[in-house]
């Protein structure tokens, strides 16, 4: 991955890393000399993971909506099902938020 790094002396330069761990090690070892950094080009694995997480977000959103719809169908009929369905919908919403945080 390609990273733009600015030092405390206002020098800017590009540094290339094989993976995120290598970048984290470098930044950790030189943190007192670095003012800021910006990842300009991530590797394909990270992009693929982000795309997969985005797909999971869409899936979770759809499942959450279907569970809530099912809850609305069973609500007047059977409390045993409706409580479990609303709980499942809430858990799916929590999963959706957790996945969104991974992308930030």
PDB file of N, CA and C in Angstrom:
ATOM      1  N   UNK A   1       0.833  -1.170   0.000  1.00  0.00           N
ATOM      2  CA  UNK A   1       0.000   0.000   0.000  1.00  0.00           C
ATOM      3  C   UNK A   1       0.883   1.240   0.000  1.00  0.00           C
ATOM      4  N   UNK A   2       0.381   2.273  -0.584  1.00  0.00           N
ATOM      5  CA  UNK A   2       1.122   3.527  -0.721  1.00  0.00           C
ATOM      6  C   UNK A   2       0.596   4.518   0.318  1.00  0.00           C
ATOM      7  N   UNK A   3       1.523   5.079   1.106  1.00  0.00           N
ATOM      8  CA  UNK A   3       1.143   5.972   2.200  1.00  0.00           C
ATOM      9  C   UNK A   3       1.952   7.271   2.091  1.00  0.00           C
ATOM     10  N   UNK A   4       1.246   8.389   2.201  1.00  0.00           N
ATOM     11  CA  UNK A   4       1.885   9.705   2.234  1.00  0.00           C
ATOM     12  C   UNK A   4       2.109  10.066   3.699  1.00  0.00           C
ATOM     13  N   UNK A   5       3.367  10.349   4.045  1.00  0.00           N
ATOM     14  CA  UNK A   5       3.718  10.634   5.439  1.00  0.00           C
ATOM     15  C   UNK A   5       4.318  12.035   5.533  1.00  0.00           C
ATOM     16  N   UNK A   6       3.877  12.790   6.562  1.00  0.00           N
ATOM     17  CA  UNK A   6       4.439  14.115   6.831  1.00  0.00           C
ATOM     18  C   UNK A   6       5.148  14.075   8.175  1.00  0.00           C
ATOM     19  N   UNK A   7       6.382  14.554   8.213  1.00  0.00           N
ATOM     20  CA  UNK A   7       7.167  14.541   9.446  1.00  0.00           C
ATOM     21  C   UNK A   7       7.025  15.860  10.200  1.00  0.00           C
ATOM     22  N   UNK A   8       7.604  15.900  11.397  1.00  0.00           N
ATOM     23  CA  UNK A   8       7.520  17.118  12.218  1.00  0.00           C
ATOM     24  C   UNK A   8       8.306  18.267  11.603  1.00  0.00           C
ATOM     25  N   UNK A   9       9.201  17.954  10.667  1.00  0.00           N
ATOM     26  CA  UNK A   9       9.963  19.015   9.978  1.00  0.00           C
ATOM     27  C   UNK A   9       9.272  19.446   8.689  1.00  0.00           C
ATOM     28  N   UNK A  10       8.012  19.061   8.527  1.00  0.00           N
ATOM     29  CA  UNK A  10       7.167  19.412   7.372  1.00  0.00           C
ATOM     30  C   UNK A  10       7.609  18.738   6.070  1.00  0.00           C
ATOM     31  N   UNK A  11       8.438  17.727   6.150  1.00  0.00           N
ATOM     32  CA  UNK A  11       8.791  16.972   4.955  1.00  0.00           C
ATOM     33  C   UNK A  11       7.691  15.960   4.673  1.00  0.00           C
ATOM     34  N   UNK A  12       7.376  15.811   3.402  1.00  0.00           N
ATOM     35  CA  UNK A  12       6.372  14.844   2.979  1.00  0.00           C
ATOM     36  C   UNK A  12       7.019  13.849   2.033  1.00  0.00           C
ATOM     37  N   UNK A  13       6.590  12.605   2.141  1.00  0.00           N
ATOM     38  CA  UNK A  13       7.126  11.590   1.254  1.00  0.00           C
ATOM     39  C   UNK A  13       6.235  10.370   1.216  1.00  0.00           C
ATOM     40  N   UNK A  14       6.420   9.565   0.183  1.00  0.00           N
ATOM     41  CA  UNK A  14       5.652   8.344   0.015  1.00  0.00           C
ATOM     42  C   UNK A  14       6.441   7.165   0.566  1.00  0.00           C
ATOM     43  N   UNK A  15       5.735   6.248   1.195  1.00  0.00           N
ATOM     44  CA  UNK A  15       6.346   5.018   1.672  1.00  0.00           C
ATOM     45  C   UNK A  15       5.421   3.882   1.265  1.00  0.00           C
ATOM     46  N   UNK A  16       6.009   2.793   0.823  1.00  0.00           N
ATOM     47  CA  UNK A  16       5.241   1.630   0.386  1.00  0.00           C
ATOM     48  C   UNK A  16       5.371   0.515   1.416  1.00  0.00           C
ATOM     49  N   UNK A  17       4.249  -0.122   1.728  1.00  0.00           N
ATOM     50  CA  UNK A  17       4.218  -1.215   2.697  1.00  0.00           C
ATOM     51  C   UNK A  17       3.548  -2.426   2.060  1.00  0.00           C
ATOM     52  N   UNK A  18       3.980  -3.599   2.471  1.00  0.00           N
ATOM     53  CA  UNK A  18       3.397  -4.841   1.969  1.00  0.00           C
ATOM     54  C   UNK A  18       1.994  -5.071   2.536  1.00  0.00           C
ATOM     55  N   UNK A  19       1.802  -4.707   3.808  1.00  0.00           N
ATOM     56  CA  UNK A  19       0.506  -4.941   4.455  1.00  0.00           C
ATOM     57  C   UNK A  19       0.311  -3.933   5.587  1.00  0.00           C
ATOM     58  N   UNK A  20      -0.835  -3.989   6.196  1.00  0.00           N
ATOM     59  CA  UNK A  20      -1.197  -3.027   7.251  1.00  0.00           C
ATOM     60  C   UNK A  20      -0.321  -3.205   8.493  1.00  0.00           C
ATOM     61  N   UNK A  21       0.022  -4.440   8.816  1.00  0.00           N
ATOM     62  CA  UNK A  21       0.846  -4.687   9.993  1.00  0.00           C
ATOM     63  C   UNK A  21       2.215  -4.022   9.852  1.00  0.00           C
ATOM     64  N   UNK A  22       2.800  -4.131   8.659  1.00  0.00           N
ATOM     65  CA  UNK A  22       4.091  -3.491   8.401  1.00  0.00           C
ATOM     66  C   UNK A  22       3.977  -1.972   8.554  1.00  0.00           C
ATOM     67  N   UNK A  23       2.892  -1.410   8.048  1.00  0.00           N
ATOM     68  CA  UNK A  23       2.665   0.029   8.172  1.00  0.00           C
ATOM     69  C   UNK A  23       2.498   0.415   9.641  1.00  0.00           C
ATOM     70  N   UNK A  24       1.699  -0.361  10.383  1.00  0.00           N
ATOM     71  CA  UNK A  24       1.483  -0.063  11.799  1.00  0.00           C
ATOM     72  C   UNK A  24       2.787  -0.121  12.591  1.00  0.00           C
ATOM     73  N   UNK A  25       3.634  -1.110  12.292  1.00  0.00           N
ATOM     74  CA  UNK A  25       4.929  -1.215  12.971  1.00  0.00           C
ATOM     75  C   UNK A  25       5.789   0.023  12.691  1.00  0.00           C
ATOM     76  N   UNK A  26       5.849   0.417  11.430  1.00  0.00           N
ATOM     77  CA  UNK A  26       6.654   1.581  11.047  1.00  0.00           C
ATOM     78  C   UNK A  26       6.141   2.839  11.742  1.00  0.00           C
ATOM     79  N   UNK A  27       4.837   3.055  11.685  1.00  0.00           N
ATOM     80  CA  UNK A  27       4.264   4.261  12.297  1.00  0.00           C
ATOM     81  C   UNK A  27       4.458   4.247  13.805  1.00  0.00           C
ATOM     82  N   UNK A  28       4.343   3.063  14.403  1.00  0.00           N
ATOM     83  CA  UNK A  28       4.552   2.947  15.847  1.00  0.00           C
ATOM     84  C   UNK A  28       5.983   3.260  16.248  1.00  0.00           C
ATOM     85  N   UNK A  29       6.939   2.796  15.459  1.00  0.00           N
ATOM     86  CA  UNK A  29       8.355   3.036  15.761  1.00  0.00           C
ATOM     87  C   UNK A  29       8.773   4.486  15.520  1.00  0.00           C
ATOM     88  N   UNK A  30       8.088   5.180  14.639  1.00  0.00           N
ATOM     89  CA  UNK A  30       8.468   6.549  14.275  1.00  0.00           C
ATOM     90  C   UNK A  30       7.397   7.584  14.637  1.00  0.00           C
ATOM     91  N   UNK A  31       6.501   7.241  15.538  1.00  0.00           N
ATOM     92  CA  UNK A  31       5.358   8.115  15.834  1.00  0.00           C
ATOM     93  C   UNK A  31       5.771   9.498  16.339  1.00  0.00           C
ATOM     94  N   UNK A  32       6.896   9.588  17.040  1.00  0.00           N
ATOM     95  CA  UNK A  32       7.290  10.908  17.563  1.00  0.00           C
ATOM     96  C   UNK A  32       7.781  11.847  16.467  1.00  0.00           C
ATOM     97  N   UNK A  33       8.099  11.290  15.281  1.00  0.00           N
ATOM     98  CA  UNK A  33       8.579  12.108  14.171  1.00  0.00           C
ATOM     99  C   UNK A  33       7.514  12.357  13.098  1.00  0.00           C
ATOM    100  N   UNK A  34       6.340  11.737  13.247  1.00  0.00           N
ATOM    101  CA  UNK A  34       5.302  11.815  12.211  1.00  0.00           C
ATOM    102  C   UNK A  34       4.161  12.703  12.685  1.00  0.00           C
ATOM    103  N   UNK A  35       3.811  13.669  11.840  1.00  0.00           N
ATOM    104  CA  UNK A  35       2.699  14.573  12.140  1.00  0.00           C
ATOM    105  C   UNK A  35       1.393  13.984  11.618  1.00  0.00           C
ATOM    106  N   UNK A  36       1.429  13.479  10.393  1.00  0.00           N
ATOM    107  CA  UNK A  36       0.221  12.914   9.799  1.00  0.00           C
ATOM    108  C   UNK A  36       0.599  11.904   8.716  1.00  0.00           C
ATOM    109  N   UNK A  37      -0.377  11.091   8.365  1.00  0.00           N
ATOM    110  CA  UNK A  37      -0.190  10.155   7.261  1.00  0.00           C
ATOM    111  C   UNK A  37      -1.536   9.927   6.587  1.00  0.00           C
ATOM    112  N   UNK A  38      -1.472   9.510   5.343  1.00  0.00           N
ATOM    113  CA  UNK A  38      -2.692   9.257   4.574  1.00  0.00           C
ATOM    114  C   UNK A  38      -2.447   8.045   3.685  1.00  0.00           C
ATOM    115  N   UNK A  39      -3.327   7.068   3.796  1.00  0.00           N
ATOM    116  CA  UNK A  39      -3.223   5.887   2.946  1.00  0.00           C
ATOM    117  C   UNK A  39      -3.786   6.256   1.579  1.00  0.00           C
ATOM    118  N   UNK A  40      -2.955   6.193   0.565  1.00  0.00           N
ATOM    119  CA  UNK A  40      -3.372   6.593  -0.776  1.00  0.00           C
ATOM    120  C   UNK A  40      -3.818   5.411  -1.626  1.00  0.00           C
ATOM    121  N   UNK A  41      -3.198   4.284  -1.404  1.00  0.00           N
ATOM    122  CA  UNK A  41      -3.538   3.117  -2.213  1.00  0.00           C
ATOM    123  C   UNK A  41      -3.467   1.894  -1.313  1.00  0.00           C
ATOM    124  N   UNK A  42      -4.613   1.267  -1.108  1.00  0.00           N
ATOM    125  CA  UNK A  42      -4.641   0.063  -0.293  1.00  0.00           C
ATOM    126  C   UNK A  42      -4.447  -1.148  -1.185  1.00  0.00           C
ATOM    127  N   UNK A  43      -4.043  -2.227  -0.596  1.00  0.00           N
ATOM    128  CA  UNK A  43      -3.854  -3.425  -1.391  1.00  0.00           C
ATOM    129  C   UNK A  43      -5.202  -4.043  -1.760  1.00  0.00           C
ATOM    130  N   UNK A  44      -5.169  -4.950  -2.726  1.00  0.00           N
ATOM    131  CA  UNK A  44      -6.394  -5.555  -3.247  1.00  0.00           C
ATOM    132  C   UNK A  44      -7.156  -6.333  -2.183  1.00  0.00           C
ATOM    133  N   UNK A  45      -6.452  -6.958  -1.253  1.00  0.00           N
ATOM    134  CA  UNK A  45      -7.123  -7.744  -0.215  1.00  0.00           C
ATOM    135  C   UNK A  45      -7.998  -6.856   0.654  1.00  0.00           C
ATOM    136  N   UNK A  46      -7.522  -5.664   0.974  1.00  0.00           N
ATOM    137  CA  UNK A  46      -8.300  -4.738   1.800  1.00  0.00           C
ATOM    138  C   UNK A  46      -9.533  -4.274   1.034  1.00  0.00           C
ATOM    139  N   UNK A  47      -9.354  -3.944  -0.237  1.00  0.00           N
ATOM    140  CA  UNK A  47     -10.493  -3.520  -1.050  1.00  0.00           C
ATOM    141  C   UNK A  47     -11.518  -4.633  -1.172  1.00  0.00           C
ATOM    142  N   UNK A  48     -11.040  -5.860  -1.352  1.00  0.00           N
ATOM    143  CA  UNK A  48     -11.949  -7.008  -1.456  1.00  0.00           C
ATOM    144  C   UNK A  48     -12.707  -7.213  -0.153  1.00  0.00           C
ATOM    145  N   UNK A  49     -12.010  -7.071   0.972  1.00  0.00           N
ATOM    146  CA  UNK A  49     -12.660  -7.206   2.276  1.00  0.00           C
ATOM    147  C   UNK A  49     -13.702  -6.117   2.474  1.00  0.00           C
ATOM    148  N   UNK A  50     -13.379  -4.887   2.096  1.00  0.00           N
ATOM    149  CA  UNK A  50     -14.341  -3.787   2.218  1.00  0.00           C
ATOM    150  C   UNK A  50     -15.574  -4.024   1.362  1.00  0.00           C
ATOM    151  N   UNK A  51     -15.383  -4.547   0.165  1.00  0.00           N
ATOM    152  CA  UNK A  51     -16.527  -4.860  -0.699  1.00  0.00           C
ATOM    153  C   UNK A  51     -17.385  -5.952  -0.076  1.00  0.00           C
ATOM    154  N   UNK A  52     -16.728  -6.955   0.514  1.00  0.00           N
ATOM    155  CA  UNK A  52     -17.468  -8.037   1.155  1.00  0.00           C
ATOM    156  C   UNK A  52     -18.244  -7.515   2.361  1.00  0.00           C
ATOM    157  N   UNK A  53     -17.616  -6.653   3.153  1.00  0.00           N
ATOM    158  CA  UNK A  53     -18.308  -6.069   4.305  1.00  0.00           C
ATOM    159  C   UNK A  53     -19.496  -5.224   3.861  1.00  0.00           C
ATOM    160  N   UNK A  54     -19.344  -4.491   2.770  1.00  0.00           N
ATOM    161  CA  UNK A  54     -20.448  -3.696   2.236  1.00  0.00           C
ATOM    162  C   UNK A  54     -21.602  -4.607   1.822  1.00  0.00           C
ATOM    163  N   UNK A  55     -21.269  -5.743   1.237  1.00  0.00           N
ATOM    164  CA  UNK A  55     -22.294  -6.720   0.857  1.00  0.00           C
ATOM    165  C   UNK A  55     -22.997  -7.269   2.099  1.00  0.00           C
ATOM    166  N   UNK A  56     -22.220  -7.528   3.173  1.00  0.00           N
ATOM    167  CA  UNK A  56     -22.809  -8.001   4.426  1.00  0.00           C
ATOM    168  C   UNK A  56     -23.761  -6.961   5.003  1.00  0.00           C
ATOM    169  N   UNK A  57     -23.401  -5.692   4.881  1.00  0.00           N
ATOM    170  CA  UNK A  57     -24.263  -4.617   5.378  1.00  0.00           C
ATOM    171  C   UNK A  57     -25.608  -4.660   4.664  1.00  0.00           C
ATOM    172  N   UNK A  58     -25.568  -4.815   3.358  1.00  0.00           N
ATOM    173  CA  UNK A  58     -26.814  -4.885   2.591  1.00  0.00           C
ATOM    174  C   UNK A  58     -27.629  -6.107   2.989  1.00  0.00           C
ATOM    175  N   UNK A  59     -26.955  -7.254   3.184  1.00  0.00           N
ATOM    176  CA  UNK A  59     -27.644  -8.474   3.602  1.00  0.00           C
ATOM    177  C   UNK A  59     -28.267  -8.313   4.981  1.00  0.00           C
ATOM    178  N   UNK A  60     -27.509  -7.742   5.924  1.00  0.00           N
ATOM    179  CA  UNK A  60     -28.023  -7.532   7.279  1.00  0.00           C
ATOM    180  C   UNK A  60     -29.227  -6.607   7.265  1.00  0.00           C
ATOM    181  N   UNK A  61     -29.164  -5.562   6.470  1.00  0.00           N
ATOM    182  CA  UNK A  61     -30.273  -4.619   6.374  1.00  0.00           C
ATOM    183  C   UNK A  61     -31.530  -5.316   5.863  1.00  0.00           C
ATOM    184  N   UNK A  62     -31.366  -6.146   4.853  1.00  0.00           N
ATOM    185  CA  UNK A  62     -32.507  -6.877   4.296  1.00  0.00           C
ATOM    186  C   UNK A  62     -33.073  -7.864   5.311  1.00  0.00           C
ATOM    187  N   UNK A  63     -32.209  -8.596   6.000  1.00  0.00           N
ATOM    188  CA  UNK A  63     -32.675  -9.564   7.002  1.00  0.00           C
ATOM    189  C   UNK A  63     -33.376  -8.846   8.149  1.00  0.00           C
ATOM    190  N   UNK A  64     -32.818  -7.712   8.580  1.00  0.00           N
ATOM    191  CA  UNK A  64     -33.448  -6.941   9.656  1.00  0.00           C
ATOM    192  C   UNK A  64     -34.860  -6.515   9.257  1.00  0.00           C
ATOM    193  N   UNK A  65     -35.005  -6.032   8.032  1.00  0.00           N
ATOM    194  CA  UNK A  65     -36.323  -5.604   7.560  1.00  0.00           C
ATOM    195  C   UNK A  65     -37.291  -6.772   7.460  1.00  0.00           C
ATOM    196  N   UNK A  66     -36.812  -7.928   6.988  1.00  0.00           N
ATOM    197  CA  UNK A  66     -37.675  -9.110   6.886  1.00  0.00           C
ATOM    198  C   UNK A  66     -38.102  -9.600   8.264  1.00  0.00           C
ATOM    199  N   UNK A  67     -37.183  -9.588   9.227  1.00  0.00           N
ATOM    200  CA  UNK A  67     -37.526 -10.006  10.583  1.00  0.00           C
ATOM    201  C   UNK A  67     -38.555  -9.070  11.200  1.00  0.00           C
ATOM    202  N   UNK A  68     -38.376  -7.777  10.983  1.00  0.00           N
ATOM    203  CA  UNK A  68     -39.337  -6.820  11.527  1.00  0.00           C
ATOM    204  C   UNK A  68     -40.701  -6.993  10.861  1.00  0.00           C
ATOM    205  N   UNK A  69     -40.704  -7.243   9.553  1.00  0.00           N
ATOM    206  CA  UNK A  69     -41.968  -7.481   8.850  1.00  0.00           C
ATOM    207  C   UNK A  69     -42.653  -8.720   9.422  1.00  0.00           C
ATOM    208  N   UNK A  70     -41.868  -9.783   9.662  1.00  0.00           N
ATOM    209  CA  UNK A  70     -42.427 -11.010  10.227  1.00  0.00           C
ATOM    210  C   UNK A  70     -42.957 -10.753  11.631  1.00  0.00           C
ATOM    211  N   UNK A  71     -42.237  -9.943  12.401  1.00  0.00           N
ATOM    212  CA  UNK A  71     -42.702  -9.557  13.731  1.00  0.00           C
ATOM    213  C   UNK A  71     -44.067  -8.893  13.651  1.00  0.00           C
ATOM    214  N   UNK A  72     -44.221  -7.984  12.695  1.00  0.00           N
ATOM    215  CA  UNK A  72     -45.501  -7.282  12.545  1.00  0.00           C
ATOM    216  C   UNK A  72     -46.620  -8.244  12.163  1.00  0.00           C
ATOM    217  N   UNK A  73     -46.298  -9.311  11.449  1.00  0.00           N
ATOM    218  CA  UNK A  73     -47.302 -10.291  11.065  1.00  0.00           C
ATOM    219  C   UNK A  73     -47.753 -11.126  12.261  1.00  0.00           C
ATOM    220  N   UNK A  74     -46.801 -11.488  13.156  1.00  0.00           N
ATOM    221  CA  UNK A  74     -47.111 -12.364  14.282  1.00  0.00           C
ATOM    222  C   UNK A  74     -47.531 -11.612  15.531  1.00  0.00           C
ATOM    223  N   UNK A  75     -47.319 -10.326  15.564  1.00  0.00           N
ATOM    224  CA  UNK A  75     -47.568  -9.553  16.779  1.00  0.00           C
ATOM    225  C   UNK A  75     -48.959  -9.781  17.373  1.00  0.00           C
ATOM    226  N   UNK A  76     -50.012  -9.669  16.584  1.00  0.00           N
ATOM    227  CA  UNK A  76     -51.326  -9.857  17.205  1.00  0.00           C
ATOM    228  C   UNK A  76     -51.663 -11.329  17.474  1.00  0.00           C
ATOM    229  N   UNK A  77     -50.914 -12.261  16.909  1.00  0.00           N
ATOM    230  CA  UNK A  77     -51.274 -13.673  16.994  1.00  0.00           C
ATOM    231  C   UNK A  77     -50.618 -14.386  18.171  1.00  0.00           C
ATOM    232  N   UNK A  78     -49.302 -14.342  18.244  1.00  0.00           N
ATOM    233  CA  UNK A  78     -48.590 -15.154  19.218  1.00  0.00           C
ATOM    234  C   UNK A  78     -47.413 -14.385  19.798  1.00  0.00           C
ATOM    235  N   UNK A  79     -47.501 -14.068  21.079  1.00  0.00           N
ATOM    236  CA  UNK A  79     -46.438 -13.303  21.727  1.00  0.00           C
ATOM    237  C   UNK A  79     -45.126 -14.078  21.777  1.00  0.00           C
ATOM    238  N   UNK A  80     -45.216 -15.400  21.819  1.00  0.00           N
ATOM    239  CA  UNK A  80     -44.020 -16.236  21.876  1.00  0.00           C
ATOM    240  C   UNK A  80     -43.118 -15.975  20.661  1.00  0.00           C
ATOM    241  N   UNK A  81     -43.706 -15.855  19.490  1.00  0.00           N
ATOM    242  CA  UNK A  81     -42.921 -15.605  18.278  1.00  0.00           C
ATOM    243  C   UNK A  81     -42.524 -14.137  18.154  1.00  0.00           C
ATOM    244  N   UNK A  82     -43.448 -13.258  18.472  1.00  0.00           N
ATOM    245  CA  UNK A  82     -43.183 -11.836  18.236  1.00  0.00           C
ATOM    246  C   UNK A  82     -42.011 -11.322  19.062  1.00  0.00           C
ATOM    247  N   UNK A  83     -41.894 -11.727  20.314  1.00  0.00           N
ATOM    248  CA  UNK A  83     -40.788 -11.265  21.147  1.00  0.00           C
ATOM    249  C   UNK A  83     -39.449 -11.765  20.612  1.00  0.00           C
ATOM    250  N   UNK A  84     -39.408 -13.007  20.188  1.00  0.00           N
ATOM    251  CA  UNK A  84     -38.170 -13.572  19.649  1.00  0.00           C
ATOM    252  C   UNK A  84     -37.801 -12.909  18.325  1.00  0.00           C
ATOM    253  N   UNK A  85     -38.788 -12.590  17.532  1.00  0.00           N
ATOM    254  CA  UNK A  85     -38.510 -11.961  16.239  1.00  0.00           C
ATOM    255  C   UNK A  85     -38.018 -10.532  16.402  1.00  0.00           C
ATOM    256  N   UNK A  86     -38.593  -9.782  17.330  1.00  0.00           N
ATOM    257  CA  UNK A  86     -38.128  -8.411  17.541  1.00  0.00           C
ATOM    258  C   UNK A  86     -36.726  -8.430  18.141  1.00  0.00           C
ATOM    259  N   UNK A  87     -36.437  -9.412  18.994  1.00  0.00           N
ATOM    260  CA  UNK A  87     -35.093  -9.557  19.546  1.00  0.00           C
ATOM    261  C   UNK A  87     -34.089  -9.880  18.428  1.00  0.00           C
ATOM    262  N   UNK A  88     -34.452 -10.797  17.538  1.00  0.00           N
ATOM    263  CA  UNK A  88     -33.579 -11.154  16.414  1.00  0.00           C
ATOM    264  C   UNK A  88     -33.351  -9.950  15.503  1.00  0.00           C
ATOM    265  N   UNK A  89     -34.386  -9.170  15.267  1.00  0.00           N
ATOM    266  CA  UNK A  89     -34.256  -7.974  14.442  1.00  0.00           C
ATOM    267  C   UNK A  89     -33.289  -6.978  15.089  1.00  0.00           C
ATOM    268  N   UNK A  90     -33.385  -6.812  16.393  1.00  0.00           N
ATOM    269  CA  UNK A  90     -32.479  -5.921  17.113  1.00  0.00           C
ATOM    270  C   UNK A  90     -31.040  -6.404  17.063  1.00  0.00           C
ATOM    271  N   UNK A  91     -30.839  -7.720  17.181  1.00  0.00           N
ATOM    272  CA  UNK A  91     -29.483  -8.283  17.091  1.00  0.00           C
ATOM    273  C   UNK A  91     -28.908  -8.073  15.693  1.00  0.00           C
ATOM    274  N   UNK A  92     -29.753  -8.202  14.693  1.00  0.00           N
ATOM    275  CA  UNK A  92     -29.296  -7.984  13.318  1.00  0.00           C
ATOM    276  C   UNK A  92     -28.906  -6.521  13.126  1.00  0.00           C
ATOM    277  N   UNK A  93     -29.657  -5.632  13.756  1.00  0.00           N
ATOM    278  CA  UNK A  93     -29.317  -4.198  13.694  1.00  0.00           C
ATOM    279  C   UNK A  93     -27.967  -3.938  14.368  1.00  0.00           C
ATOM    280  N   UNK A  94     -27.718  -4.613  15.495  1.00  0.00           N
ATOM    281  CA  UNK A  94     -26.419  -4.480  16.174  1.00  0.00           C
ATOM    282  C   UNK A  94     -25.285  -4.985  15.285  1.00  0.00           C
ATOM    283  N   UNK A  95     -25.511  -6.108  14.600  1.00  0.00           N
ATOM    284  CA  UNK A  95     -24.501  -6.647  13.689  1.00  0.00           C
ATOM    285  C   UNK A  95     -24.240  -5.668  12.551  1.00  0.00           C
ATOM    286  N   UNK A  96     -25.294  -5.072  12.035  1.00  0.00           N
ATOM    287  CA  UNK A  96     -25.170  -4.098  10.956  1.00  0.00           C
ATOM    288  C   UNK A  96     -24.301  -2.926  11.393  1.00  0.00           C
ATOM    289  N   UNK A  97     -24.528  -2.410  12.582  1.00  0.00           N
ATOM    290  CA  UNK A  97     -23.725  -1.288  13.092  1.00  0.00           C
ATOM    291  C   UNK A  97     -22.269  -1.686  13.326  1.00  0.00           C
ATOM    292  N   UNK A  98     -22.050  -2.901  13.820  1.00  0.00           N
ATOM    293  CA  UNK A  98     -20.681  -3.367  14.054  1.00  0.00           C
ATOM    294  C   UNK A  98     -19.909  -3.477  12.746  1.00  0.00           C
ATOM    295  N   UNK A  99     -20.562  -3.960  11.705  1.00  0.00           N
ATOM    296  CA  UNK A  99     -19.900  -4.084  10.404  1.00  0.00           C
ATOM    297  C   UNK A  99     -19.612  -2.695   9.833  1.00  0.00           C
ATOM    298  N   UNK A 100     -20.537  -1.768  10.004  1.00  0.00           N
ATOM    299  CA  UNK A 100     -20.306  -0.396   9.513  1.00  0.00           C
ATOM    300  C   UNK A 100     -19.103   0.234  10.192  1.00  0.00           C
ATOM    301  N   UNK A 101     -18.902  -0.052  11.478  1.00  0.00           N
ATOM    302  CA  UNK A 101     -17.749   0.494  12.195  1.00  0.00           C
ATOM    303  C   UNK A 101     -16.445  -0.057  11.633  1.00  0.00           C
ATOM    304  N   UNK A 102     -16.469  -1.296  11.137  1.00  0.00           N
ATOM    305  CA  UNK A 102     -15.267  -1.878  10.523  1.00  0.00           C
ATOM    306  C   UNK A 102     -14.845  -1.106   9.285  1.00  0.00           C
ATOM    307  N   UNK A 103     -15.784  -0.523   8.591  1.00  0.00           N
ATOM    308  CA  UNK A 103     -15.476   0.188   7.361  1.00  0.00           C
ATOM    309  C   UNK A 103     -14.989   1.609   7.596  1.00  0.00           C
ATOM    310  N   UNK A 104     -15.152   2.118   8.792  1.00  0.00           N
ATOM    311  CA  UNK A 104     -14.726   3.500   9.083  1.00  0.00           C
ATOM    312  C   UNK A 104     -13.256   3.595   9.297  1.00  0.00           C
TER     313      UNK A 104
END
